[in-house]
C-alpha atoms as a PDB file:
ATOM      1  CA  MET A   1      71.847 -81.498  65.788  1.00  0.00           C
ATOM      2  CA  ARG A   2      72.544 -80.559  62.204  1.00  0.00           C
ATOM      3  CA  HIS A   3      74.052 -77.228  63.315  1.00  0.00           C
ATOM      4  CA  LEU A   4      76.354 -79.047  65.734  1.00  0.00           C
ATOM      5  CA  PHE A   5      77.499 -81.366  62.945  1.00  0.00           C
ATOM      6  CA  MET A   6      78.169 -78.396  60.624  1.00  0.00           C
ATOM      7  CA  LEU A   7      80.068 -76.612  63.390  1.00  0.00           C
ATOM      8  CA  MET A   8      82.250 -79.679  63.925  1.00  0.00           C
ATOM      9  CA  ILE A   9      83.006 -79.953  60.199  1.00  0.00           C
ATOM     10  CA  PHE A  10      83.881 -76.246  60.087  1.00  0.00           C
ATOM     11  CA  ALA A  11      86.178 -76.585  63.109  1.00  0.00           C
ATOM     12  CA  ILE A  12      87.992 -79.567  61.600  1.00  0.00           C
ATOM     13  CA  LEU A  13      88.515 -77.836  58.267  1.00  0.00           C
ATOM     14  CA  PHE A  14      89.754 -74.536  59.640  1.00  0.00           C
ATOM     15  CA  THR A  15      91.869 -75.463  62.610  1.00  0.00           C
ATOM     16  CA  VAL A  16      95.624 -75.518  62.328  1.00  0.00           C
ATOM     17  CA  ASN A  17      96.862 -78.966  61.513  1.00  0.00           C
ATOM     18  CA  PRO A  18      99.271 -79.957  64.321  1.00  0.00           C
ATOM     19  CA  ILE A  19     101.549 -81.650  61.790  1.00  0.00           C
ATOM     20  CA  TYR A  20     102.340 -78.226  60.351  1.00  0.00           C
ATOM     21  CA  ALA A  21     102.407 -76.299  63.624  1.00  0.00           C
ATOM     22  CA  GLY A  22     105.809 -74.704  63.863  1.00  0.00           C
ATOM     23  CA  GLN A  23     106.753 -75.776  60.340  1.00  0.00           C
ATOM     24  CA  ASN A  24     107.601 -72.230  59.187  1.00  0.00           C
ATOM     25  CA  GLU A  25     109.742 -71.559  62.261  1.00  0.00           C
ATOM     26  CA  TYR A  26     111.470 -74.915  61.843  1.00  0.00           C
ATOM     27  CA  ASP A  27     112.153 -74.253  58.151  1.00  0.00           C
ATOM     28  CA  ASP A  28     113.477 -70.752  58.931  1.00  0.00           C
ATOM     29  CA  CYS A  29     115.767 -72.218  61.596  1.00  0.00           C
ATOM     30  CA  LEU A  30     117.185 -74.746  59.137  1.00  0.00           C
ATOM     31  CA  LEU A  31     117.700 -72.126  56.434  1.00  0.00           C
ATOM     32  CA  LYS A  32     119.412 -69.746  58.837  1.00  0.00           C
ATOM     33  CA  HIS A  33     121.753 -72.223  60.509  1.00  0.00           C
ATOM     34  CA  LEU A  34     122.583 -74.826  57.881  1.00  0.00           C
ATOM     35  CA  ILE A  35     123.761 -72.422  55.197  1.00  0.00           C
ATOM     36  CA  ASN A  36     127.394 -72.701  56.338  1.00  0.00           C
ATOM     37  CA  ALA A  37     127.289 -76.310  57.547  1.00  0.00           C
ATOM     38  CA  LYS A  38     130.602 -78.061  56.938  1.00  0.00           C
ATOM     39  CA  VAL A  39     130.685 -81.060  59.289  1.00  0.00           C
ATOM     40  CA  ASP A  40     127.950 -83.699  59.133  1.00  0.00           C
ATOM     41  CA  VAL A  41     127.859 -84.230  62.892  1.00  0.00           C
ATOM     42  CA  ALA A  42     127.305 -80.489  63.459  1.00  0.00           C
ATOM     43  CA  THR A  43     124.594 -80.518  60.795  1.00  0.00           C
ATOM     44  CA  GLN A  44     122.727 -83.320  62.555  1.00  0.00           C
ATOM     45  CA  ILE A  45     123.005 -81.561  65.916  1.00  0.00           C
ATOM     46  CA  MET A  46     121.662 -78.312  64.431  1.00  0.00           C
ATOM     47  CA  ILE A  47     118.765 -80.148  62.765  1.00  0.00           C
ATOM     48  CA  GLY A  48     117.923 -81.719  66.116  1.00  0.00           C
ATOM     49  CA  ALA A  49     118.109 -78.360  67.898  1.00  0.00           C
ATOM     50  CA  CYS A  50     115.788 -76.742  65.336  1.00  0.00           C
ATOM     51  CA  LYS A  51     113.407 -79.672  65.629  1.00  0.00           C
ATOM     52  CA  GLU A  52     113.313 -79.537  69.438  1.00  0.00           C
ATOM     53  CA  ASN A  53     112.851 -75.769  69.579  1.00  0.00           C
ATOM     54  CA  TYR A  54     110.338 -75.347  66.784  1.00  0.00           C
ATOM     55  CA  LYS A  55     108.739 -78.575  65.596  1.00  0.00           C
ATOM     56  CA  GLU A  56     108.455 -81.086  68.428  1.00  0.00           C
ATOM     57  CA  PHE A  57     105.072 -81.359  70.105  1.00  0.00           C
ATOM     58  CA  THR A  58     106.578 -81.955  73.524  1.00  0.00           C
ATOM     59  CA  ILE A  59     107.247 -79.097  75.871  1.00  0.00           C
ATOM     60  CA  ILE A  60     110.958 -78.576  76.418  1.00  0.00           C
ATOM     61  CA  SER A  61     112.406 -76.778  79.401  1.00  0.00           C
ATOM     62  CA  GLU A  62     113.712 -73.243  79.105  1.00  0.00           C
ATOM     63  CA  LYS A  63     117.186 -74.608  79.911  1.00  0.00           C
ATOM     64  CA  ARG A  64     117.013 -77.068  77.022  1.00  0.00           C
ATOM     65  CA  LYS A  65     115.788 -74.331  74.685  1.00  0.00           C
ATOM     66  CA  LYS A  66     118.735 -72.087  75.700  1.00  0.00           C
ATOM     67  CA  TYR A  67     121.107 -75.023  75.196  1.00  0.00           C
ATOM     68  CA  ASN A  68     119.755 -75.536  71.673  1.00  0.00           C
ATOM     69  CA  GLU A  69     120.056 -71.809  70.953  1.00  0.00           C
ATOM     70  CA  CYS A  70     123.690 -71.936  72.109  1.00  0.00           C
ATOM     71  CA  LEU A  71     124.365 -74.831  69.721  1.00  0.00           C
ATOM     72  CA  LEU A  72     122.675 -72.980  66.877  1.00  0.00           C
ATOM     73  CA  GLU A  73     124.721 -69.875  67.561  1.00  0.00           C
ATOM     74  CA  TYR A  74     128.148 -71.506  67.698  1.00  0.00           C
ATOM     75  CA  LEU A  75     128.020 -74.643  65.513  1.00  0.00           C
ATOM     76  CA  PRO A  76     127.488 -73.129  62.047  1.00  0.00           C
ATOM     77  CA  GLY A  77     130.726 -73.057  60.100  1.00  0.00           C
ATOM     78  CA  MET A  78     132.572 -75.521  62.343  1.00  0.00           C
ATOM     79  CA  GLU A  79     135.156 -77.488  60.404  1.00  0.00           C
ATOM     80  CA  SER A  80     136.349 -79.765  63.179  1.00  0.00           C
ATOM     81  CA  SER A  81     134.509 -82.614  64.889  1.00  0.00           C
ATOM     82  CA  ASP A  82     136.584 -81.954  68.017  1.00  0.00           C
ATOM     83  CA  ALA A  83     135.382 -78.352  68.049  1.00  0.00           C
ATOM     84  CA  VAL A  84     131.783 -79.536  67.697  1.00  0.00           C
ATOM     85  CA  ILE A  85     132.189 -81.738  70.782  1.00  0.00           C
ATOM     86  CA  GLU A  86     133.731 -78.894  72.766  1.00  0.00           C
ATOM     87  CA  ILE A  87     130.925 -76.524  71.797  1.00  0.00           C
ATOM     88  CA  GLN A  88     128.376 -79.110  72.908  1.00  0.00           C
ATOM     89  CA  ASN A  89     130.187 -79.449  76.231  1.00  0.00           C
ATOM     90  CA  VAL A  90     130.399 -75.703  76.817  1.00  0.00           C
ATOM     91  CA  CYS A  91     126.747 -75.142  75.890  1.00  0.00           C
ATOM     92  CA  ALA A  92     125.750 -77.962  78.251  1.00  0.00           C
ATOM     93  CA  ARG A  93     127.800 -76.496  81.120  1.00  0.00           C
ATOM     94  CA  LYS A  94     126.322 -73.055  80.580  1.00  0.00           C
ATOM     95  CA  HIS A  95     122.696 -74.005  80.085  1.00  0.00           C
ATOM     96  CA  LEU A  96     121.866 -77.493  81.392  1.00  0.00           C
END
């Protein structure tokens, strides 16, 4: 019984904490895509896309992941809210 208790303590201490699972990938995504952020609405969309693809604990569909990747590819540097909306629409048509 004592060995089982010690094994459980060891497992708890050395397993990956789910709170931090994907944290590095999420942080890398933010650093890569927000460096040229110019429009707040685009920034929020990119943060959400990084969160869905790398930090959320729910399983997202491959289509949704591709949609987020499309947003992350084309939104950085946008200076127009209208352009942001159009990019969202095009990414949705292509991937959702």
